[in-house]
């Protein structure tokens, strides 16, 4: 047996007969070196992951998440639902107002509750005074009631932007009798900018044709199917006559003759926003239920808006209308996904924006 090797230098003086042992030792050293390299790599990977985690936490924003308030304010979503249930039981139109408010908020400055801000000397013309919102957008007092209840439960925790999203989600569930039932990710922060010129840029009017409607959705990261699906919300709520009289009633259109005659009995020919401008049900068949009836109305030409009728002006959108009208549960499933998608438009999270104390005013 060869004497033990205590030092690497001893290898130099090994006789030729010990070459096989030398080879074994060399292989052992290679294994040791490879193990050391692997250990270093593990350390480097761990460090990289740690830096990435720290970087994410330091980021000014991060994704929305389901159950965001689970630890911060466990009762948050229950409080919103409780207020919504009571409000809709008193007037189903309150639910329709919340769904519309989410749309009008998210398409302008993202889902940041900018639509809720009141005028001030420093900002005299906020979004809520813009023609697409004034005087038809309502539900501001309902948002105030929810915010007041949440400030009692968890002061300074729940954003007004999340309140709007939760309220629209709950309205959808309640008005559909539970057929539209989904979780709404949260973690939005409230914006500090609101200007009446912005809704005019991003909210397509009810007089729009299909290409204009699609373009208004695409610019916000939504697609043609989202447009068709979210238009289904027109199965609930009321509309002011001024939104359809001039282009869909006073001029030649494909509107059903029976509906046109009924509407002429309800609406003055000179209906104007803020003036003589009554309201009528958007869906006279199931007026207080969120369902697929809207698409049946589009097929029978018993819809109010030019933008509704426009869904039949392309083969692609017409096919979607037929599918939503004919297949039970088809539209409800797509509506849930489209609502979550819309409620994620240009959100402010992390260190962006603020959590307003009052939804009508920014914090100072």
Protein backbone atom coordinates (compact mmCIF):
# COMPACT_ATOMS: atom_id res chain seq x y z
CA UNK A 1 0.00 0.00 0.00
CA UNK A 2 1.22 3.51 -0.80
CA UNK A 3 1.78 5.97 2.04
CA UNK A 4 -1.05 8.49 2.57
CA UNK A 5 -0.78 11.75 0.65
CA UNK A 6 -1.02 14.69 2.99
CA UNK A 7 -0.15 17.53 0.62
CA UNK A 8 -0.82 18.26 -3.02
CA UNK A 9 2.96 18.64 -3.52
CA UNK A 10 3.43 14.97 -2.61
CA UNK A 11 1.83 14.03 -5.92
CA UNK A 12 4.90 15.31 -7.75
CA UNK A 13 7.12 12.63 -6.22
CA UNK A 14 4.78 9.71 -6.78
CA UNK A 15 6.37 6.77 -8.66
CA UNK A 16 5.01 5.64 -12.02
CA UNK A 17 3.35 2.66 -10.32
CA UNK A 18 1.07 5.06 -8.50
CA UNK A 19 -0.32 6.71 -11.67
CA UNK A 20 -3.69 4.97 -11.32
CA UNK A 21 -4.02 6.34 -7.81
CA UNK A 22 -2.95 9.75 -9.11
CA UNK A 23 -5.70 9.61 -11.70
CA UNK A 24 -8.23 8.78 -9.03
CA UNK A 25 -7.04 11.69 -6.94
CA UNK A 26 -7.23 14.03 -9.92
CA UNK A 27 -10.79 12.91 -10.55
CA UNK A 28 -11.58 13.49 -6.89
CA UNK A 29 -10.21 17.01 -7.10
CA UNK A 30 -12.34 17.65 -10.22
CA UNK A 31 -15.43 16.48 -8.35
CA UNK A 32 -14.57 18.75 -5.43
CA UNK A 33 -14.06 21.72 -7.76
CA UNK A 34 -17.36 21.01 -9.57
CA UNK A 35 -19.18 20.78 -6.23
CA UNK A 36 -17.66 24.09 -5.18
CA UNK A 37 -18.77 25.74 -8.44
CA UNK A 38 -22.29 24.34 -8.00
CA UNK A 39 -22.42 25.66 -4.44
CA UNK A 40 -21.35 29.10 -5.65
CA UNK A 41 -24.02 29.03 -8.34
CA UNK A 42 -26.66 28.19 -5.74
CA UNK A 43 -25.54 31.15 -3.65
CA UNK A 44 -25.59 33.44 -6.69
CA UNK A 45 -29.10 32.29 -7.68
CA UNK A 46 -30.32 32.79 -4.11
CA UNK A 47 -28.86 36.29 -4.05
CA UNK A 48 -30.44 37.11 -7.42
CA UNK A 49 -33.85 35.93 -6.22
CA UNK A 50 -33.47 37.97 -3.03
CA UNK A 51 -32.57 41.08 -5.01
CA UNK A 52 -35.53 40.47 -7.33
CA UNK A 53 -37.89 40.15 -4.38
CA UNK A 54 -36.55 43.34 -2.81
CA UNK A 55 -36.81 45.09 -6.16
CA UNK A 56 -40.44 44.04 -6.56
CA UNK A 57 -41.33 45.34 -3.14
CA UNK A 58 -39.62 48.62 -3.96
CA UNK A 59 -41.49 48.87 -7.27
CA UNK A 60 -44.05 51.70 -7.46
CA UNK A 61 -46.76 49.23 -8.54
CA UNK A 62 -47.63 45.55 -8.42
CA UNK A 63 -50.47 43.40 -9.74
CA UNK A 64 -53.97 43.38 -8.36
CA UNK A 65 -54.83 40.32 -6.30
CA UNK A 66 -57.90 38.47 -5.11
CA UNK A 67 -58.36 38.86 -1.37
CA UNK A 68 -56.11 41.92 -1.15
CA UNK A 69 -57.95 43.11 1.99
CA UNK A 70 -58.01 39.72 3.70
CA UNK A 71 -55.57 40.88 6.37
CA UNK A 72 -55.84 44.66 5.99
CA UNK A 73 -59.65 44.85 6.32
CA UNK A 74 -61.25 41.38 6.40
CA UNK A 75 -64.82 42.71 6.26
CA UNK A 76 -64.24 45.09 3.33
CA UNK A 77 -66.00 43.14 0.60
CA UNK A 78 -68.83 42.10 2.93
CA UNK A 79 -69.48 45.75 3.81
CA UNK A 80 -69.72 46.71 0.13
CA UNK A 81 -72.06 43.80 -0.62
CA UNK A 82 -74.32 44.62 2.32
CA UNK A 83 -74.79 48.24 1.21
CA UNK A 84 -75.34 47.15 -2.41
CA UNK A 85 -77.97 44.58 -1.50
CA UNK A 86 -79.96 47.18 0.40
CA UNK A 87 -79.59 49.82 -2.32
CA UNK A 88 -80.66 47.47 -5.14
CA UNK A 89 -83.63 46.19 -3.13
CA UNK A 90 -84.79 49.81 -2.89
CA UNK A 91 -84.07 50.60 -6.56
CA UNK A 92 -82.57 48.13 -9.08
CA UNK A 93 -81.32 51.15 -11.00
CA UNK A 94 -78.67 51.59 -8.31
CA UNK A 95 -77.04 48.39 -9.55
CA UNK A 96 -77.10 49.52 -13.16
CA UNK A 97 -75.53 52.81 -12.06
CA UNK A 98 -72.58 51.03 -10.45
CA UNK A 99 -71.82 48.91 -13.51
CA UNK A 100 -71.92 52.01 -15.71
CA UNK A 101 -69.76 53.93 -13.24
CA UNK A 102 -67.02 51.29 -13.43
CA UNK A 103 -66.99 51.59 -17.21
CA UNK A 104 -66.87 55.39 -17.15
CA UNK A 105 -64.15 55.38 -14.49
CA UNK A 106 -61.87 52.76 -16.06
CA UNK A 107 -61.92 54.14 -19.61
CA UNK A 108 -60.70 57.55 -18.38
CA UNK A 109 -57.38 57.69 -16.49
CA UNK A 110 -57.76 53.99 -15.67
CA UNK A 111 -59.73 52.49 -12.77
CA UNK A 112 -58.70 55.10 -10.21
CA UNK A 113 -61.97 56.68 -9.01
CA UNK A 114 -61.13 59.92 -10.84
CA UNK A 115 -64.77 60.08 -11.95
CA UNK A 116 -65.84 60.61 -8.32
CA UNK A 117 -63.91 63.84 -7.71
CA UNK A 118 -65.93 67.01 -7.15
CA UNK A 119 -64.96 70.40 -8.62
CA UNK A 120 -62.62 72.58 -6.56
CA UNK A 121 -61.07 76.02 -7.12
CA UNK A 122 -57.91 74.24 -8.28
CA UNK A 123 -59.80 71.75 -10.47
CA UNK A 124 -63.12 73.38 -11.45
CA UNK A 125 -64.02 70.95 -14.27
CA UNK A 126 -63.50 67.31 -13.22
CA UNK A 127 -64.67 64.26 -15.19
CA UNK A 128 -68.10 64.13 -13.56
CA UNK A 129 -68.98 67.46 -15.23
CA UNK A 130 -68.11 66.19 -18.72
CA UNK A 131 -71.06 65.64 -21.13
CA UNK A 132 -70.73 61.82 -21.13
CA UNK A 133 -71.22 61.92 -17.34
CA UNK A 134 -73.30 65.00 -16.57
CA UNK A 135 -76.16 64.74 -15.84
CA UNK A 136 -76.64 61.04 -16.62
CA UNK A 137 -74.02 59.33 -14.44
CA UNK A 138 -75.31 58.67 -10.95
CA UNK A 139 -74.60 56.63 -7.84
CA UNK A 140 -72.15 59.03 -6.20
CA UNK A 141 -74.14 59.09 -2.96
CA UNK A 142 -74.09 55.29 -2.89
CA UNK A 143 -70.30 55.26 -3.15
CA UNK A 144 -70.21 57.82 -0.32
CA UNK A 145 -72.33 55.51 1.86
CA UNK A 146 -70.04 52.55 1.21
CA UNK A 147 -66.93 54.63 1.90
CA UNK A 148 -68.38 55.97 5.17
CA UNK A 149 -69.12 52.42 6.35
CA UNK A 150 -65.62 51.25 5.45
CA UNK A 151 -63.96 54.21 7.15
CA UNK A 152 -65.72 53.17 10.37
CA UNK A 153 -64.55 49.57 9.97
CA UNK A 154 -61.04 50.18 8.62
CA UNK A 155 -60.02 53.85 8.46
CA UNK A 156 -57.78 54.81 5.54
CA UNK A 157 -57.46 51.29 4.11
CA UNK A 158 -59.91 50.66 1.27
CA UNK A 159 -59.56 52.78 -1.85
CA UNK A 160 -62.48 54.40 -3.63
CA UNK A 161 -61.31 52.74 -6.86
CA UNK A 162 -61.73 49.31 -5.26
CA UNK A 163 -65.13 50.32 -3.88
CA UNK A 164 -66.34 51.10 -7.41
CA UNK A 165 -65.00 47.75 -8.67
CA UNK A 166 -66.54 45.77 -5.80
CA UNK A 167 -69.87 47.59 -6.14
CA UNK A 168 -70.06 46.82 -9.87
CA UNK A 169 -69.19 43.19 -9.20
CA UNK A 170 -71.88 42.88 -6.52
CA UNK A 171 -74.45 44.67 -8.67
CA UNK A 172 -73.77 42.16 -11.46
CA UNK A 173 -74.29 39.24 -9.11
CA UNK A 174 -77.44 40.60 -7.47
CA UNK A 175 -79.13 41.74 -10.70
CA UNK A 176 -78.35 38.43 -12.45
CA UNK A 177 -79.79 36.45 -9.52
CA UNK A 178 -76.36 34.93 -8.97
CA UNK A 179 -75.72 33.80 -12.55
CA UNK A 180 -72.91 36.36 -12.89
CA UNK A 181 -70.74 35.58 -9.90
CA UNK A 182 -67.00 36.23 -9.84
CA UNK A 183 -64.11 37.35 -7.68
CA UNK A 184 -62.80 40.85 -8.23
CA UNK A 185 -59.04 41.39 -7.81
CA UNK A 186 -58.21 44.49 -5.77
CA UNK A 187 -55.37 46.68 -4.60
CA UNK A 188 -56.15 49.74 -6.73
CA UNK A 189 -55.12 53.18 -5.53
CA UNK A 190 -57.02 56.42 -6.09
CA UNK A 191 -55.95 58.96 -8.68
CA UNK A 192 -55.42 62.67 -8.04
CA UNK A 193 -56.16 64.03 -11.54
CA UNK A 194 -59.58 64.52 -13.12
CA UNK A 195 -60.47 66.70 -16.09
CA UNK A 196 -63.71 67.05 -18.05
CA UNK A 197 -61.89 66.93 -21.38
CA UNK A 198 -60.75 63.33 -20.89
CA UNK A 199 -64.12 61.48 -21.08
CA UNK A 200 -64.77 63.11 -24.45
CA UNK A 201 -61.59 61.46 -25.76
CA UNK A 202 -62.21 57.93 -24.51
CA UNK A 203 -65.95 57.32 -24.00
CA UNK A 204 -67.53 56.57 -27.37
CA UNK A 205 -71.02 58.14 -27.58
CA UNK A 206 -74.13 56.01 -28.23
CA UNK A 207 -74.21 57.43 -31.75
CA UNK A 208 -70.96 55.60 -32.63
CA UNK A 209 -70.54 53.13 -35.46
CA UNK A 210 -68.82 49.77 -34.99
CA UNK A 211 -65.33 50.81 -36.08
CA UNK A 212 -65.32 53.72 -33.62
CA UNK A 213 -66.54 51.46 -30.82
CA UNK A 214 -63.89 48.83 -31.49
CA UNK A 215 -61.17 51.49 -31.66
CA UNK A 216 -62.23 52.91 -28.28
CA UNK A 217 -61.88 49.45 -26.72
CA UNK A 218 -58.62 48.49 -28.42
CA UNK A 219 -56.87 51.62 -27.16
CA UNK A 220 -57.67 50.44 -23.62
CA UNK A 221 -56.36 46.91 -24.17
CA UNK A 222 -59.77 45.35 -24.80
CA UNK A 223 -60.92 43.60 -27.97
CA UNK A 224 -63.98 43.25 -30.17
CA UNK A 225 -65.41 40.40 -28.11
CA UNK A 226 -65.05 42.48 -24.94
CA UNK A 227 -67.06 45.22 -26.67
CA UNK A 228 -69.88 42.85 -27.59
CA UNK A 229 -69.90 41.18 -24.17
CA UNK A 230 -69.82 44.36 -22.08
CA UNK A 231 -72.53 45.93 -24.26
CA UNK A 232 -74.79 43.30 -22.69
CA UNK A 233 -74.99 45.49 -19.60
CA UNK A 234 -77.54 47.51 -21.60
CA UNK A 235 -80.06 44.89 -20.53
CA UNK A 236 -80.55 46.85 -17.30
CA UNK A 237 -81.04 50.48 -16.33
CA UNK A 238 -82.64 53.45 -18.00
CA UNK A 239 -81.53 55.82 -20.73
CA UNK A 240 -82.21 59.49 -21.30
CA UNK A 241 -84.14 60.14 -24.49
CA UNK A 242 -81.45 62.55 -25.68
CA UNK A 243 -79.06 59.61 -26.06
CA UNK A 244 -80.97 58.12 -28.99
CA UNK A 245 -83.75 60.43 -30.26
CA UNK A 246 -81.71 62.49 -32.72
CA UNK A 247 -79.90 59.68 -34.52
CA UNK A 248 -82.04 56.58 -33.94
CA UNK A 249 -85.60 57.92 -33.76
CA UNK A 250 -85.81 61.21 -35.66
CA UNK A 251 -83.83 59.90 -38.63
CA UNK A 252 -84.30 56.74 -40.73
CA UNK A 253 -82.91 53.68 -38.93
CA UNK A 254 -83.53 49.96 -38.61
CA UNK A 255 -85.25 50.30 -35.22
CA UNK A 256 -88.32 48.09 -34.76
CA UNK A 257 -91.47 50.03 -35.77
CA UNK A 258 -93.40 49.08 -32.64
CA UNK A 259 -90.61 50.20 -30.35
CA UNK A 260 -90.16 53.42 -32.32
CA UNK A 261 -93.83 54.26 -31.92
CA UNK A 262 -93.69 53.55 -28.19
CA UNK A 263 -90.56 55.71 -27.75
CA UNK A 264 -92.07 58.63 -29.68
CA UNK A 265 -94.86 58.57 -27.13
CA UNK A 266 -92.34 58.77 -24.29
CA UNK A 267 -89.67 61.09 -25.66
CA UNK A 268 -89.96 64.64 -26.97
CA UNK A 269 -88.49 65.06 -30.44
CA UNK A 270 -86.23 67.84 -29.14
CA UNK A 271 -84.92 65.98 -26.07
CA UNK A 272 -81.67 67.55 -24.90
CA UNK A 273 -79.32 66.75 -21.99
CA UNK A 274 -80.17 68.86 -18.98
CA UNK A 275 -83.42 70.02 -20.56
CA UNK A 276 -86.65 68.19 -21.25
CA UNK A 277 -85.14 64.72 -21.23
CA UNK A 278 -87.19 61.84 -19.76
CA UNK A 279 -85.79 58.37 -19.23
CA UNK A 280 -86.98 55.03 -20.57
CA UNK A 281 -86.06 51.43 -19.80
CA UNK A 282 -83.25 50.07 -21.95
CA UNK A 283 -84.75 46.57 -21.97
CA UNK A 284 -88.54 46.46 -21.67
CA UNK A 285 -88.60 42.64 -21.52
CA UNK A 286 -86.45 41.99 -18.39
CA UNK A 287 -85.77 45.56 -17.31
CA UNK A 288 -84.37 44.80 -13.84
CA UNK A 289 -82.49 41.61 -14.61
CA UNK A 290 -78.93 41.27 -15.89
CA UNK A 291 -79.31 38.55 -18.52
CA UNK A 292 -78.82 37.72 -22.21
CA UNK A 293 -82.10 39.36 -23.24
CA UNK A 294 -80.11 42.30 -24.63
CA UNK A 295 -78.79 40.13 -27.46
CA UNK A 296 -82.29 38.93 -28.32
CA UNK A 297 -83.27 42.60 -28.45
CA UNK A 298 -80.38 43.37 -30.81
CA UNK A 299 -81.56 40.58 -33.12
CA UNK A 300 -85.15 41.87 -33.04
CA UNK A 301 -84.01 45.50 -33.52
CA UNK A 302 -85.58 46.54 -30.23
CA UNK A 303 -82.55 48.38 -28.85
CA UNK A 304 -82.21 52.09 -28.18
CA UNK A 305 -78.78 53.11 -29.38
CA UNK A 306 -77.09 53.28 -32.74
CA UNK A 307 -74.12 51.68 -30.98
CA UNK A 308 -76.32 48.70 -30.02
CA UNK A 309 -77.61 48.22 -33.57
CA UNK A 310 -74.02 48.54 -34.83
CA UNK A 311 -73.22 45.09 -33.42
CA UNK A 312 -75.09 43.60 -36.38
CA UNK A 313 -73.04 45.47 -39.00
CA UNK A 314 -70.19 42.95 -39.21
CA UNK A 315 -70.25 39.18 -39.61
CA UNK A 316 -67.90 38.73 -36.64
CA UNK A 317 -69.90 40.74 -34.13
CA UNK A 318 -73.24 39.47 -35.47
CA UNK A 319 -72.06 35.90 -34.84
CA UNK A 320 -71.18 36.84 -31.26
CA UNK A 321 -74.61 38.41 -30.77
CA UNK A 322 -76.32 35.21 -31.96
CA UNK A 323 -74.16 33.01 -29.70
CA UNK A 324 -74.86 35.19 -26.66
CA UNK A 325 -78.58 35.21 -27.44
CA UNK A 326 -78.95 31.49 -28.09
CA UNK A 327 -76.55 29.63 -25.77
CA UNK A 328 -77.54 29.57 -22.06
CA UNK A 329 -74.71 30.62 -19.75
CA UNK A 330 -72.43 31.59 -22.65
CA UNK A 331 -72.71 35.34 -22.14
CA UNK A 332 -72.63 35.24 -18.33
CA UNK A 333 -69.29 33.42 -18.32
CA UNK A 334 -67.76 35.86 -20.79
CA UNK A 335 -69.19 38.88 -18.96
CA UNK A 336 -67.46 37.83 -15.72
CA UNK A 337 -64.08 37.69 -17.47
CA UNK A 338 -64.63 40.94 -19.37
CA UNK A 339 -65.58 42.80 -16.18
CA UNK A 340 -62.35 41.72 -14.46
CA UNK A 341 -60.38 42.67 -17.57
CA UNK A 342 -62.00 46.10 -17.76
CA UNK A 343 -61.47 46.66 -14.02
CA UNK A 344 -57.73 46.20 -14.57
CA UNK A 345 -57.31 49.01 -17.10
CA UNK A 346 -54.36 51.31 -16.26
CA UNK A 347 -54.70 50.74 -12.52
CA UNK A 348 -52.59 52.58 -9.97
CA UNK A 349 -51.09 50.32 -7.32
CA UNK A 350 -48.23 50.15 -4.83
CA UNK A 351 -46.91 53.64 -4.18
CA UNK A 352 -48.88 55.27 -6.98
CA UNK A 353 -51.87 57.45 -6.17
CA UNK A 354 -53.36 57.50 -2.67
CA UNK A 355 -56.14 56.10 -0.50
CA UNK A 356 -58.65 58.93 -0.31
CA UNK A 357 -60.34 59.68 2.99
CA UNK A 358 -63.36 61.01 1.08
CA UNK A 359 -64.09 59.73 -2.40
CA UNK A 360 -65.10 63.17 -3.67
CA UNK A 361 -61.81 64.88 -2.81
CA UNK A 362 -58.10 64.14 -2.89
CA UNK A 363 -56.13 64.07 0.36
CA UNK A 364 -54.14 67.19 1.26
